[in-house]
């Protein structure tokens, strides 16, 4: 019973910290006058932009996503086995 209450307390504290951080960030950025626009073409690499995130590293990105998925499934399997 104590573990469940302790876990609930930790979860509520984390939620409160995240909520306060998001709330504070809107106040900090609201007063900013100049905003630098970033288009999707700048990030992903359009026809005039060479070397975006999805142009050179697509295979590495997909390989890393599969590795993280396998690690997540393995962690769930180990946690279920011990419980």
N, C-alpha and C. Protein backbone atom coordinates (compact mmCIF):
# COMPACT_ATOMS: atom_id res chain seq x y z
N UNK A 1 0.82 -1.19 0.00
CA UNK A 1 0.00 0.00 0.00
C UNK A 1 0.87 1.25 0.00
N UNK A 2 1.96 1.21 0.78
CA UNK A 2 2.85 2.36 0.85
C UNK A 2 3.51 2.62 -0.49
N UNK A 3 3.88 1.55 -1.21
CA UNK A 3 4.52 1.72 -2.52
C UNK A 3 3.59 2.42 -3.50
N UNK A 4 2.31 2.07 -3.49
CA UNK A 4 1.36 2.70 -4.42
C UNK A 4 1.19 4.18 -4.10
N UNK A 5 1.11 4.52 -2.82
CA UNK A 5 0.99 5.93 -2.45
C UNK A 5 2.25 6.70 -2.80
N UNK A 6 3.40 6.09 -2.59
CA UNK A 6 4.67 6.73 -2.92
C UNK A 6 4.78 6.95 -4.43
N UNK A 7 4.39 5.96 -5.22
CA UNK A 7 4.41 6.10 -6.68
C UNK A 7 3.44 7.18 -7.14
N UNK A 8 2.27 7.26 -6.53
CA UNK A 8 1.31 8.29 -6.87
C UNK A 8 1.85 9.67 -6.54
N UNK A 9 2.51 9.80 -5.41
CA UNK A 9 3.09 11.08 -5.02
C UNK A 9 4.17 11.51 -6.00
N UNK A 10 5.03 10.59 -6.40
CA UNK A 10 6.09 10.90 -7.37
C UNK A 10 5.49 11.30 -8.71
N UNK A 11 4.47 10.58 -9.16
CA UNK A 11 3.83 10.90 -10.43
C UNK A 11 3.19 12.28 -10.39
N UNK A 12 2.53 12.61 -9.29
CA UNK A 12 1.91 13.93 -9.17
C UNK A 12 2.96 15.04 -9.12
N UNK A 13 4.06 14.80 -8.45
CA UNK A 13 5.13 15.80 -8.41
C UNK A 13 5.74 16.01 -9.80
N UNK A 14 5.95 14.94 -10.54
CA UNK A 14 6.47 15.08 -11.89
C UNK A 14 5.50 15.82 -12.79
N UNK A 15 4.21 15.53 -12.66
CA UNK A 15 3.20 16.23 -13.43
C UNK A 15 3.20 17.72 -13.08
N UNK A 16 3.32 18.04 -11.81
CA UNK A 16 3.33 19.44 -11.40
C UNK A 16 4.55 20.18 -11.95
N UNK A 17 5.71 19.52 -11.91
CA UNK A 17 6.93 20.15 -12.44
C UNK A 17 6.80 20.38 -13.94
N UNK A 18 6.30 19.39 -14.67
CA UNK A 18 6.12 19.56 -16.11
C UNK A 18 5.10 20.65 -16.41
N UNK A 19 4.00 20.69 -15.67
CA UNK A 19 2.99 21.71 -15.89
C UNK A 19 3.55 23.10 -15.63
N UNK A 20 4.32 23.26 -14.56
CA UNK A 20 4.90 24.56 -14.25
C UNK A 20 5.93 24.97 -15.30
N UNK A 21 6.70 24.01 -15.81
CA UNK A 21 7.69 24.34 -16.84
C UNK A 21 7.02 24.78 -18.12
N UNK A 22 5.95 24.11 -18.52
CA UNK A 22 5.23 24.50 -19.73
C UNK A 22 4.56 25.85 -19.53
N UNK A 23 3.96 26.06 -18.38
CA UNK A 23 3.29 27.33 -18.11
C UNK A 23 4.30 28.48 -18.09
N UNK A 24 5.47 28.25 -17.53
CA UNK A 24 6.50 29.29 -17.48
C UNK A 24 7.07 29.58 -18.86
N UNK A 25 7.16 28.56 -19.69
CA UNK A 25 7.73 28.78 -21.02
C UNK A 25 6.83 29.66 -21.88
N UNK A 26 5.51 29.57 -21.68
CA UNK A 26 4.62 30.44 -22.46
C UNK A 26 4.78 31.89 -22.02
N UNK A 27 5.05 32.14 -20.76
CA UNK A 27 5.26 33.50 -20.30
C UNK A 27 6.60 34.05 -20.79
N UNK A 28 7.62 33.22 -20.83
CA UNK A 28 8.93 33.67 -21.27
C UNK A 28 8.92 34.01 -22.75
N UNK A 29 8.31 33.17 -23.57
CA UNK A 29 8.32 33.38 -25.02
C UNK A 29 7.28 34.38 -25.47
N UNK A 30 6.29 34.69 -24.64
CA UNK A 30 5.24 35.62 -25.05
C UNK A 30 5.78 37.03 -25.25
N UNK A 31 6.78 37.42 -24.49
CA UNK A 31 7.31 38.77 -24.61
C UNK A 31 8.36 38.93 -25.68
N UNK A 32 8.70 37.90 -26.40
CA UNK A 32 9.76 37.98 -27.40
C UNK A 32 9.22 38.69 -28.64
N UNK A 33 9.94 39.71 -29.11
CA UNK A 33 9.49 40.49 -30.26
C UNK A 33 9.84 39.82 -31.58
N UNK A 34 11.08 39.41 -31.72
CA UNK A 34 11.52 38.85 -32.99
C UNK A 34 11.48 37.33 -32.93
N UNK A 35 10.86 36.76 -33.92
CA UNK A 35 10.76 35.31 -34.02
C UNK A 35 11.43 34.90 -35.32
N UNK A 36 12.33 33.93 -35.23
CA UNK A 36 12.99 33.43 -36.43
C UNK A 36 12.16 32.28 -36.98
N UNK A 37 11.56 32.46 -38.15
CA UNK A 37 10.74 31.37 -38.70
C UNK A 37 11.61 30.22 -39.22
N UNK A 38 11.20 29.02 -38.92
CA UNK A 38 11.88 27.82 -39.41
C UNK A 38 10.85 27.01 -40.17
N UNK A 39 11.13 26.78 -41.43
CA UNK A 39 10.19 26.01 -42.23
C UNK A 39 10.52 24.53 -42.18
N UNK A 40 9.58 23.72 -42.60
CA UNK A 40 9.79 22.28 -42.64
C UNK A 40 10.90 21.95 -43.64
N UNK A 41 11.00 22.73 -44.70
CA UNK A 41 12.07 22.51 -45.68
C UNK A 41 13.46 22.70 -45.09
N UNK A 42 13.59 23.63 -44.14
CA UNK A 42 14.89 23.83 -43.49
C UNK A 42 15.27 22.64 -42.62
N UNK A 43 14.28 22.03 -42.00
CA UNK A 43 14.56 20.90 -41.11
C UNK A 43 14.73 19.61 -41.91
N UNK A 44 13.78 19.34 -42.78
CA UNK A 44 13.77 18.06 -43.49
C UNK A 44 14.60 18.09 -44.76
N UNK A 45 14.93 19.23 -45.27
CA UNK A 45 15.72 19.33 -46.49
C UNK A 45 14.84 19.35 -47.71
N UNK A 46 14.62 20.54 -48.25
CA UNK A 46 13.81 20.68 -49.45
C UNK A 46 14.69 20.62 -50.69
N UNK A 47 14.14 20.97 -51.84
CA UNK A 47 14.93 20.92 -53.08
C UNK A 47 16.08 21.91 -53.09
N UNK A 48 15.92 23.07 -52.42
CA UNK A 48 17.01 24.04 -52.41
C UNK A 48 17.95 23.85 -51.22
N UNK A 49 17.54 23.06 -50.24
CA UNK A 49 18.36 22.83 -49.05
C UNK A 49 18.95 21.43 -49.15
N UNK A 50 20.24 21.33 -49.03
CA UNK A 50 20.90 20.02 -49.09
C UNK A 50 21.40 19.64 -47.70
N UNK A 51 21.19 18.40 -47.32
CA UNK A 51 21.71 17.92 -46.04
C UNK A 51 20.75 18.07 -44.89
N UNK A 52 19.47 17.95 -45.13
CA UNK A 52 18.50 18.01 -44.04
C UNK A 52 18.57 16.73 -43.21
N UNK A 53 17.77 16.69 -42.17
CA UNK A 53 17.83 15.55 -41.25
C UNK A 53 17.35 14.25 -41.91
N UNK A 54 16.43 14.35 -42.86
CA UNK A 54 15.89 13.14 -43.47
C UNK A 54 16.53 12.82 -44.82
N UNK A 55 17.56 13.54 -45.21
CA UNK A 55 18.17 13.26 -46.51
C UNK A 55 19.36 12.31 -46.40
N UNK A 56 20.23 12.55 -45.44
CA UNK A 56 21.45 11.76 -45.34
C UNK A 56 21.36 10.64 -44.31
N UNK A 57 20.49 10.76 -43.34
CA UNK A 57 20.50 9.84 -42.21
C UNK A 57 19.22 9.02 -42.10
N UNK A 58 18.56 8.76 -43.19
CA UNK A 58 17.30 8.01 -43.14
C UNK A 58 17.54 6.59 -42.66
N UNK A 59 18.53 5.92 -43.21
CA UNK A 59 18.80 4.53 -42.82
C UNK A 59 19.21 4.45 -41.35
N UNK A 60 20.07 5.37 -40.91
CA UNK A 60 20.50 5.38 -39.51
C UNK A 60 19.33 5.64 -38.57
N UNK A 61 18.45 6.54 -38.98
CA UNK A 61 17.28 6.86 -38.17
C UNK A 61 16.37 5.65 -38.04
N UNK A 62 16.12 4.95 -39.13
CA UNK A 62 15.26 3.77 -39.09
C UNK A 62 15.90 2.64 -38.30
N UNK A 63 17.20 2.46 -38.44
CA UNK A 63 17.91 1.43 -37.69
C UNK A 63 17.87 1.73 -36.18
N UNK A 64 18.05 2.98 -35.82
CA UNK A 64 17.98 3.36 -34.41
C UNK A 64 16.57 3.16 -33.86
N UNK A 65 15.55 3.45 -34.65
CA UNK A 65 14.18 3.25 -34.17
C UNK A 65 13.89 1.77 -33.93
N UNK A 66 14.39 0.91 -34.80
CA UNK A 66 14.20 -0.53 -34.58
C UNK A 66 14.96 -1.02 -33.35
N UNK A 67 16.16 -0.48 -33.14
CA UNK A 67 16.95 -0.86 -31.97
C UNK A 67 16.24 -0.42 -30.68
N UNK A 68 15.71 0.79 -30.66
CA UNK A 68 14.99 1.26 -29.47
C UNK A 68 13.70 0.47 -29.24
N UNK A 69 13.03 0.09 -30.32
CA UNK A 69 11.82 -0.72 -30.18
C UNK A 69 12.17 -2.09 -29.60
N UNK A 70 13.25 -2.69 -30.06
CA UNK A 70 13.67 -3.99 -29.52
C UNK A 70 14.06 -3.87 -28.05
N UNK A 71 14.72 -2.77 -27.69
CA UNK A 71 15.10 -2.56 -26.28
C UNK A 71 13.86 -2.39 -25.41
N UNK A 72 12.86 -1.68 -25.92
CA UNK A 72 11.62 -1.49 -25.17
C UNK A 72 10.89 -2.82 -24.97
N UNK A 73 10.81 -3.62 -26.01
CA UNK A 73 10.14 -4.92 -25.90
C UNK A 73 10.92 -5.83 -24.95
N UNK A 74 12.23 -5.80 -25.02
CA UNK A 74 13.05 -6.60 -24.11
C UNK A 74 12.89 -6.17 -22.67
N UNK A 75 12.83 -4.87 -22.43
CA UNK A 75 12.64 -4.37 -21.07
C UNK A 75 11.27 -4.78 -20.53
N UNK A 76 10.25 -4.72 -21.36
CA UNK A 76 8.92 -5.15 -20.93
C UNK A 76 8.89 -6.65 -20.63
N UNK A 77 9.59 -7.43 -21.44
CA UNK A 77 9.63 -8.88 -21.22
C UNK A 77 10.34 -9.21 -19.90
N UNK A 78 11.46 -8.53 -19.64
CA UNK A 78 12.19 -8.78 -18.41
C UNK A 78 11.37 -8.34 -17.19
N UNK A 79 10.70 -7.19 -17.30
CA UNK A 79 9.90 -6.70 -16.17
C UNK A 79 8.71 -7.63 -15.92
N UNK A 80 8.10 -8.16 -16.95
CA UNK A 80 6.96 -9.06 -16.75
C UNK A 80 7.43 -10.39 -16.17
N UNK A 81 8.60 -10.84 -16.59
CA UNK A 81 9.13 -12.10 -16.11
C UNK A 81 9.45 -12.04 -14.62
N UNK A 82 9.94 -10.90 -14.13
CA UNK A 82 10.30 -10.77 -12.73
C UNK A 82 9.08 -10.55 -11.84
N UNK A 83 8.02 -10.02 -12.39
CA UNK A 83 6.84 -9.69 -11.56
C UNK A 83 5.99 -10.90 -11.26
